Protein backbone atom coordinates (compact mmCIF):
# COMPACT_ATOMS: atom_id res chain seq x y z
CA UNK A 1 -1.54 16.56 -12.92
CA UNK A 2 -4.94 15.13 -12.03
CA UNK A 3 -7.00 15.61 -8.89
CA UNK A 4 -10.04 13.92 -7.43
CA UNK A 5 -12.44 16.26 -5.64
CA UNK A 6 -12.97 14.54 -2.30
CA UNK A 7 -15.53 17.03 -0.95
CA UNK A 8 -15.25 20.17 1.10
CA UNK A 9 -12.97 21.71 -1.51
CA UNK A 10 -10.22 19.20 -0.74
CA UNK A 11 -8.38 17.31 -3.44
CA UNK A 12 -6.55 14.03 -3.81
CA UNK A 13 -3.73 13.78 -6.34
CA UNK A 14 -3.46 10.84 -8.72
CA UNK A 15 -1.68 9.87 -11.92
CA UNK A 16 -3.32 7.99 -14.79
CA UNK A 17 -1.37 6.24 -17.54
CA UNK A 18 -3.44 4.65 -20.29
CA UNK A 19 -2.81 1.19 -21.70
CA UNK A 20 -4.58 -1.66 -23.47
CA UNK A 21 -4.21 -4.29 -20.75
CA UNK A 22 -5.85 -4.69 -17.33
CA UNK A 23 -5.72 -1.49 -15.25
CA UNK A 24 -3.59 -1.66 -12.11
CA UNK A 25 -4.18 0.76 -9.22
CA UNK A 26 -1.03 1.34 -7.13
CA UNK A 27 -1.54 2.35 -3.50
CA UNK A 28 1.55 3.42 -1.57
CA UNK A 29 2.48 2.79 2.04
CA UNK A 30 2.08 5.03 5.08
CA UNK A 31 3.62 8.52 4.79
CA UNK A 32 4.93 7.85 1.28
CA UNK A 33 3.57 8.94 -2.11
CA UNK A 34 3.08 7.71 -5.66
CA UNK A 35 6.71 8.69 -6.33
CA UNK A 36 7.83 5.45 -4.73
CA UNK A 37 6.14 3.47 -7.53
CA UNK A 38 7.95 5.19 -10.42
CA UNK A 39 9.89 2.12 -11.60
CA UNK A 40 6.85 -0.13 -11.19
CA UNK A 41 4.74 2.31 -13.20
CA UNK A 42 7.27 2.33 -16.03
CA UNK A 43 7.49 -1.47 -16.07
CA UNK A 44 3.70 -1.90 -16.09
CA UNK A 45 3.42 0.64 -18.89
CA UNK A 46 6.07 -1.19 -20.89
CA UNK A 47 4.00 -4.36 -20.51
CA UNK A 48 0.94 -2.53 -21.88
CA UNK A 49 -1.05 -2.08 -18.68
CA UNK A 50 -3.15 0.91 -17.75
CA UNK A 51 -1.87 2.32 -14.44
CA UNK A 52 -3.35 4.59 -11.78
CA UNK A 53 -1.35 5.75 -8.74
CA UNK A 54 -2.63 7.85 -5.86
CA UNK A 55 -1.16 10.11 -3.20
CA UNK A 56 -3.04 9.38 0.02
CA UNK A 57 -4.73 12.19 1.90
CA UNK A 58 -2.00 14.17 3.64
CA UNK A 59 0.76 12.75 1.43
CA UNK A 60 2.64 13.85 -1.66
CA UNK A 61 0.68 16.34 -3.75
CA UNK A 62 -2.68 15.68 -2.11
CA UNK A 63 -4.14 18.25 0.27
CA UNK A 64 -2.83 18.09 3.83
CA UNK A 65 -5.76 19.44 5.82
CA UNK A 66 -8.19 16.51 5.74
CA UNK A 67 -9.99 15.80 9.00
CA UNK A 68 -10.55 12.16 8.04
CA UNK A 69 -7.33 10.26 7.28
CA UNK A 70 -8.75 6.80 7.95
CA UNK A 71 -8.22 3.65 5.92
CA UNK A 72 -11.87 3.78 4.88
CA UNK A 73 -11.62 7.40 3.71
CA UNK A 74 -8.55 6.71 1.56
CA UNK A 75 -10.31 3.67 0.09
CA UNK A 76 -13.32 5.90 -0.66
CA UNK A 77 -11.01 8.15 -2.68
CA UNK A 78 -9.76 5.19 -4.68
CA UNK A 79 -13.30 4.00 -5.34
CA UNK A 80 -14.24 7.50 -6.48
CA UNK A 81 -11.24 7.72 -8.83
CA UNK A 82 -11.95 4.32 -10.39
CA UNK A 83 -15.54 5.33 -11.09
CA UNK A 84 -14.57 8.82 -12.29
CA UNK A 85 -12.17 7.29 -14.81
CA UNK A 86 -14.84 4.86 -15.98
CA UNK A 87 -12.72 1.78 -15.38
CA UNK A 88 -14.77 -1.37 -15.89
CA UNK A 89 -12.29 -3.57 -14.03
CA UNK A 90 -9.18 -3.00 -11.94
CA UNK A 91 -6.52 -4.90 -10.00
CA UNK A 92 -5.56 -3.17 -6.75
CA UNK A 93 -1.97 -3.33 -5.51
CA UNK A 94 -1.33 -1.97 -2.02
CA UNK A 95 2.04 -1.69 -0.32
CA UNK A 96 2.37 -1.78 3.48
CA UNK A 97 -0.52 0.25 4.98
CA UNK A 98 -1.72 0.58 1.38
CA UNK A 99 -2.51 -3.13 1.50
CA UNK A 100 -5.22 -2.51 4.09
CA UNK A 101 -6.48 0.39 1.95
CA UNK A 102 -6.49 -1.80 -1.17
CA UNK A 103 -8.44 -4.56 0.57
CA UNK A 104 -11.10 -2.09 1.74
CA UNK A 105 -11.27 -0.49 -1.72
CA UNK A 106 -11.74 -3.94 -3.25
CA UNK A 107 -14.71 -4.49 -0.94
CA UNK A 108 -16.20 -1.13 -1.87
CA UNK A 109 -15.72 -1.62 -5.61
CA UNK A 110 -17.53 -4.95 -5.73
CA UNK A 111 -17.48 -6.44 -9.25
CA UNK A 112 -15.22 -3.66 -10.58
CA UNK A 113 -12.33 -5.18 -8.60
CA UNK A 114 -10.99 -8.36 -10.20
CA UNK A 115 -7.80 -8.96 -8.23
CA UNK A 116 -5.88 -7.86 -5.13
CA UNK A 117 -2.12 -7.71 -4.60
CA UNK A 118 -0.77 -7.16 -1.11
CA UNK A 119 2.86 -6.06 -1.29
CA UNK A 120 4.07 -6.55 2.28
CA UNK A 121 0.52 -5.45 3.05
CA UNK A 122 -0.77 -4.54 6.51
CA UNK A 123 -3.69 -6.92 6.09
CA UNK A 124 -5.47 -8.73 7.64
CA UNK A 125 -4.02 -7.15 10.83
CA UNK A 126 -1.12 -4.87 11.68
CA UNK A 127 -1.29 -5.38 15.45
CA UNK A 128 -1.30 -8.77 17.13
CA UNK A 129 -4.13 -10.00 19.34
CA UNK A 130 -4.87 -13.12 21.34
CA UNK A 131 -6.32 -14.85 18.29
CA UNK A 132 -3.82 -13.38 15.79
CA UNK A 133 -0.26 -13.77 17.15
CA UNK A 134 1.47 -11.91 14.31
CA UNK A 135 2.25 -8.25 13.67
CA UNK A 136 3.40 -5.46 15.96
CA UNK A 137 2.65 -4.54 19.53
CA UNK A 138 -0.28 -2.22 20.20
CA UNK A 139 1.76 -0.08 22.58
CA UNK A 140 4.47 0.54 19.99
CA UNK A 141 1.95 1.73 17.44
CA UNK A 142 0.25 4.07 19.92
CA UNK A 143 3.65 5.55 20.78
CA UNK A 144 4.23 6.67 17.18
CA UNK A 145 2.82 10.22 17.48
CA UNK A 146 5.15 11.00 20.36
CA UNK A 147 8.17 9.56 18.57
CA UNK A 148 7.46 11.65 15.47
CA UNK A 149 6.87 14.82 17.46
CA UNK A 150 10.10 14.36 19.40
CA UNK A 151 12.24 14.45 16.25
CA UNK A 152 10.42 14.13 12.94
CA UNK A 153 13.52 14.12 10.73
CA UNK A 154 15.34 11.47 12.75
CA UNK A 155 12.23 9.30 13.01
CA UNK A 156 11.73 9.22 9.25
CA UNK A 157 15.44 8.83 8.52
CA UNK A 158 15.55 5.73 10.72
CA UNK A 159 12.38 4.44 9.07
CA UNK A 160 13.87 4.92 5.59
CA UNK A 161 16.98 3.03 6.65
CA UNK A 162 14.88 0.11 7.90
CA UNK A 163 12.68 -0.38 4.83
CA UNK A 164 15.05 -2.56 2.82
CA UNK A 165 16.98 -5.63 3.94
CA UNK A 166 19.15 -5.62 0.83
CA UNK A 167 21.81 -2.99 0.25
CA UNK A 168 20.00 -0.61 -2.11
CA UNK A 169 22.53 2.20 -1.70
CA UNK A 170 22.46 5.46 0.22
CA UNK A 171 20.90 7.48 -2.64
CA UNK A 172 17.82 5.21 -2.59
CA UNK A 173 17.56 5.49 1.20
CA UNK A 174 17.87 9.28 1.00
CA UNK A 175 15.22 9.33 -1.73
CA UNK A 176 12.79 7.41 0.47
CA UNK A 177 13.61 9.72 3.38
CA UNK A 178 12.75 12.74 1.24
CA UNK A 179 9.35 11.23 0.41
CA UNK A 180 8.65 10.47 4.07
CA UNK A 181 9.53 14.04 5.02
CA UNK A 182 7.10 15.44 2.46
CA UNK A 183 4.00 14.48 4.44
CA UNK A 184 1.37 16.48 6.26
CA UNK A 185 1.33 17.05 10.03
CA UNK A 186 -1.51 14.62 10.81
CA UNK A 187 -0.57 11.68 8.61
CA UNK A 188 0.09 9.50 11.67
CA UNK A 189 -3.70 9.28 12.11
CA UNK A 190 -3.85 6.92 9.12
CA UNK A 191 -1.37 4.60 10.79
CA UNK A 192 -3.23 4.65 14.10
CA UNK A 193 -6.35 3.49 12.26
CA UNK A 194 -4.60 0.12 11.90
CA UNK A 195 -4.67 -0.43 15.67
CA UNK A 196 -7.96 -2.35 15.74
CA UNK A 197 -8.39 -3.09 12.04
CA UNK A 198 -9.22 -6.72 11.30
CA UNK A 199 -9.73 -7.66 7.66
CA UNK A 200 -9.89 -11.44 8.02
CA UNK A 201 -13.63 -11.60 7.18
CA UNK A 202 -13.12 -9.13 4.34
CA UNK A 203 -10.36 -11.20 2.71
CA UNK A 204 -12.37 -14.39 3.15
CA UNK A 205 -15.30 -12.85 1.28
CA UNK A 206 -13.40 -11.65 -1.80
CA UNK A 207 -14.41 -13.77 -4.81
CA UNK A 208 -11.23 -13.24 -6.85
CA UNK A 209 -7.54 -14.10 -6.62
CA UNK A 210 -5.44 -12.48 -3.90
CA UNK A 211 -1.66 -12.43 -4.18
CA UNK A 212 0.37 -11.68 -1.04
CA UNK A 213 4.00 -10.76 -1.72
CA UNK A 214 6.06 -11.18 1.43
CA UNK A 215 9.52 -9.94 2.36
CA UNK A 216 11.26 -12.79 4.15
CA UNK A 217 13.48 -10.35 6.06
CA UNK A 218 10.86 -7.66 6.59
CA UNK A 219 11.75 -5.70 9.72
CA UNK A 220 8.67 -3.45 9.58
CA UNK A 221 5.87 -5.98 9.15
CA UNK A 222 6.28 -9.54 10.39
CA UNK A 223 6.35 -11.84 7.31
CA UNK A 224 3.77 -14.14 8.87
CA UNK A 225 1.15 -11.40 8.43
CA UNK A 226 1.41 -11.68 4.65
CA UNK A 227 1.39 -15.46 4.78
CA UNK A 228 -1.76 -15.41 6.90
CA UNK A 229 -3.39 -12.95 4.49
CA UNK A 230 -3.14 -15.51 1.70
CA UNK A 231 -4.54 -18.20 3.98
CA UNK A 232 -7.50 -15.99 4.89
CA UNK A 233 -8.42 -15.33 1.27
CA UNK A 234 -10.73 -17.70 -0.55
CA UNK A 235 -8.36 -17.74 -3.53
CA UNK A 236 -5.11 -16.68 -1.87
CA UNK A 237 -1.48 -17.25 -2.77
CA UNK A 238 1.68 -16.03 -1.06
CA UNK A 239 5.07 -15.54 -2.68
CA UNK A 240 8.02 -15.04 -0.35
CA UNK A 241 11.00 -12.95 -1.42
CA UNK A 242 13.42 -14.57 1.01
CA UNK A 243 16.21 -11.97 0.90
CA UNK A 244 14.00 -8.86 0.74
CA UNK A 245 12.73 -6.57 3.45
CA UNK A 246 9.66 -4.37 3.31
CA UNK A 247 9.98 -3.20 -0.32
CA UNK A 248 10.52 -6.08 -2.78
CA UNK A 249 9.59 -3.80 -5.69
CA UNK A 250 12.72 -1.78 -4.88
CA UNK A 251 14.99 -4.55 -3.60
CA UNK A 252 14.35 -7.10 -6.36
CA UNK A 253 12.47 -5.26 -9.11
CA UNK A 254 12.96 -7.87 -11.88
CA UNK A 255 11.49 -10.71 -9.81
CA UNK A 256 8.79 -8.45 -8.42
CA UNK A 257 7.65 -7.43 -11.89
CA UNK A 258 7.75 -11.01 -13.14
CA UNK A 259 5.51 -12.01 -10.21
CA UNK A 260 3.10 -9.14 -10.87
CA UNK A 261 2.84 -9.83 -14.60
CA UNK A 262 2.27 -13.52 -14.01
CA UNK A 263 -0.59 -12.69 -11.64
CA UNK A 264 -2.06 -10.12 -14.01
CA UNK A 265 -2.00 -12.70 -16.77
CA UNK A 266 -4.18 -14.99 -14.67
CA UNK A 267 -6.91 -12.62 -13.42
């Protein structure tokens, strides 16, 4: 086990697998943990890549009692881990809310970041506005704390069942449910930080390639968000997994890995 000291005696858990090829930093989605990346980690290792995976504040094996669970704070942790490990370059891959975290970490890292992958990423926006007609409704997001408090287990069970559009089997759904349930009491604060987040200028300023992987049948994040992310980026590309929902790396792992390795071969 490895931990990053985030200040105030609080720690963030991460895993580090060494390899000869470009390091890839995997950043999970809201209320999940690095466990969800296990197959992706193994495949990247097999291809020779160095891999780092984090448990967000409040998730997995990281401490639960952080006061600051914001997107910026989680990105700060990633920046600190990259520098602590002495990585001279890194590609950031963020899933769902982790996409917004990855984009912010890429901004913070400056020249150390050489590529960004948004896997059904909540970037550039998660909530729609007058000038961005894609994403969820503000009211629905703000209602999340109440829905979780009313029945935490049922909320996360329903969420686990809605992640994938393909039939991945009940054991996989139960596995995701178990990860969701293993989160701290205040983790919803990270999600609420997406309410007014707008990363369109951030994506436009990134000097490197940005790959947006989109689930064509994503029921959690409108596919158009990922398509717009690629359009916002200076060097953006979107790849649509037509039959997948919110987790292409689980629903179509062979194609997902082929897409990742092709991108990594070009950065």
